Amino acid sequence: MTDHRIGLTLYKLDSIMDGNISDIIEALIMEDKAEKLKSGV
């Protein structure tokens, strides 16, 4: 599974399809925090 917006690639498609999306959520939260730090929000 790849999220091109944040450059994340995980080789856990079976796990993700079973609903285990915590790795994706964590990566998205980290990217959001980094963007906020860069923009000064």
N, C-alpha and C. Protein backbone atom coordinates (compact mmCIF):
# COMPACT_ATOMS: atom_id res chain seq x y z
N MET A 1 0.86 -1.16 0.00
CA MET A 1 0.00 0.00 0.00
C MET A 1 0.90 1.22 0.00
N THR A 2 0.62 2.15 -0.91
CA THR A 2 1.42 3.37 -0.99
C THR A 2 0.52 4.59 -0.92
N ASP A 3 0.91 5.54 -0.09
CA ASP A 3 0.26 6.84 -0.04
C ASP A 3 1.27 7.82 -0.63
N HIS A 4 1.04 8.21 -1.86
CA HIS A 4 1.98 9.07 -2.58
C HIS A 4 2.02 10.48 -2.01
N ARG A 5 0.99 10.89 -1.32
CA ARG A 5 0.98 12.25 -0.75
C ARG A 5 2.09 12.44 0.26
N ILE A 6 2.36 11.39 1.05
CA ILE A 6 3.37 11.51 2.09
C ILE A 6 4.57 10.59 1.85
N GLY A 7 4.57 9.88 0.75
CA GLY A 7 5.69 8.99 0.43
C GLY A 7 5.79 7.78 1.33
N LEU A 8 4.67 7.25 1.75
CA LEU A 8 4.63 6.09 2.64
C LEU A 8 4.32 4.83 1.84
N THR A 9 5.14 3.81 2.00
CA THR A 9 4.87 2.52 1.39
C THR A 9 4.94 1.46 2.47
N LEU A 10 3.87 0.70 2.59
CA LEU A 10 3.81 -0.40 3.56
C LEU A 10 3.56 -1.70 2.80
N TYR A 11 4.26 -2.73 3.17
CA TYR A 11 4.09 -4.04 2.54
C TYR A 11 3.26 -4.94 3.46
N LYS A 12 2.07 -4.44 3.82
CA LYS A 12 1.19 -5.15 4.76
C LYS A 12 -0.25 -5.12 4.25
N LEU A 13 -0.47 -5.34 2.97
CA LEU A 13 -1.81 -5.17 2.41
C LEU A 13 -2.84 -6.06 3.10
N ASP A 14 -2.49 -7.31 3.38
CA ASP A 14 -3.44 -8.21 4.06
C ASP A 14 -3.85 -7.65 5.41
N SER A 15 -2.88 -7.15 6.16
CA SER A 15 -3.16 -6.59 7.47
C SER A 15 -4.02 -5.34 7.36
N ILE A 16 -3.70 -4.49 6.40
CA ILE A 16 -4.47 -3.26 6.20
C ILE A 16 -5.91 -3.59 5.80
N MET A 17 -6.07 -4.57 4.93
CA MET A 17 -7.41 -4.97 4.50
C MET A 17 -8.21 -5.55 5.66
N ASP A 18 -7.52 -6.08 6.67
CA ASP A 18 -8.19 -6.61 7.86
C ASP A 18 -8.55 -5.50 8.85
N GLY A 19 -8.16 -4.25 8.53
CA GLY A 19 -8.54 -3.13 9.38
C GLY A 19 -7.43 -2.59 10.25
N ASN A 20 -6.25 -3.14 10.14
CA ASN A 20 -5.12 -2.68 10.97
C ASN A 20 -4.46 -1.49 10.28
N ILE A 21 -4.98 -0.31 10.53
CA ILE A 21 -4.51 0.88 9.83
C ILE A 21 -3.76 1.86 10.74
N SER A 22 -3.35 1.41 11.90
CA SER A 22 -2.69 2.32 12.84
C SER A 22 -1.38 2.87 12.28
N ASP A 23 -0.63 2.08 11.51
CA ASP A 23 0.62 2.57 10.92
C ASP A 23 0.34 3.71 9.95
N ILE A 24 -0.73 3.60 9.19
CA ILE A 24 -1.10 4.65 8.24
C ILE A 24 -1.52 5.92 8.98
N ILE A 25 -2.33 5.75 10.00
CA ILE A 25 -2.82 6.90 10.77
C ILE A 25 -1.65 7.62 11.44
N GLU A 26 -0.73 6.87 12.02
CA GLU A 26 0.44 7.48 12.67
C GLU A 26 1.27 8.28 11.68
N ALA A 27 1.49 7.72 10.49
CA ALA A 27 2.28 8.42 9.47
C ALA A 27 1.57 9.69 9.02
N LEU A 28 0.26 9.65 8.87
CA LEU A 28 -0.49 10.84 8.47
C LEU A 28 -0.46 11.91 9.56
N ILE A 29 -0.55 11.51 10.80
CA ILE A 29 -0.47 12.47 11.91
C ILE A 29 0.91 13.12 11.95
N MET A 30 1.95 12.32 11.77
CA MET A 30 3.32 12.86 11.78
C MET A 30 3.51 13.85 10.63
N GLU A 31 3.00 13.53 9.45
CA GLU A 31 3.12 14.42 8.31
C GLU A 31 2.36 15.72 8.56
N ASP A 32 1.18 15.62 9.16
CA ASP A 32 0.38 16.81 9.47
C ASP A 32 1.13 17.71 10.46
N LYS A 33 1.72 17.12 11.48
CA LYS A 33 2.48 17.90 12.47
C LYS A 33 3.68 18.57 11.81
N ALA A 34 4.38 17.86 10.92
CA ALA A 34 5.53 18.43 10.24
C ALA A 34 5.10 19.62 9.37
N GLU A 35 4.00 19.48 8.68
CA GLU A 35 3.50 20.58 7.82
C GLU A 35 3.12 21.79 8.68
N LYS A 36 2.50 21.55 9.82
CA LYS A 36 2.13 22.66 10.70
C LYS A 36 3.35 23.37 11.25
N LEU A 37 4.39 22.61 11.58
CA LEU A 37 5.63 23.21 12.07
C LEU A 37 6.28 24.07 10.98
N LYS A 38 6.27 23.58 9.75
CA LYS A 38 6.87 24.33 8.65
C LYS A 38 6.11 25.62 8.35
N SER A 39 4.78 25.57 8.49
CA SER A 39 3.98 26.75 8.17
C SER A 39 3.82 27.69 9.36
N GLY A 40 4.26 27.28 10.53
CA GLY A 40 4.18 28.12 11.71
C GLY A 40 2.82 28.17 12.38
N VAL A 41 1.99 27.19 12.13
CA VAL A 41 0.64 27.15 12.73
C VAL A 41 0.72 26.56 14.11
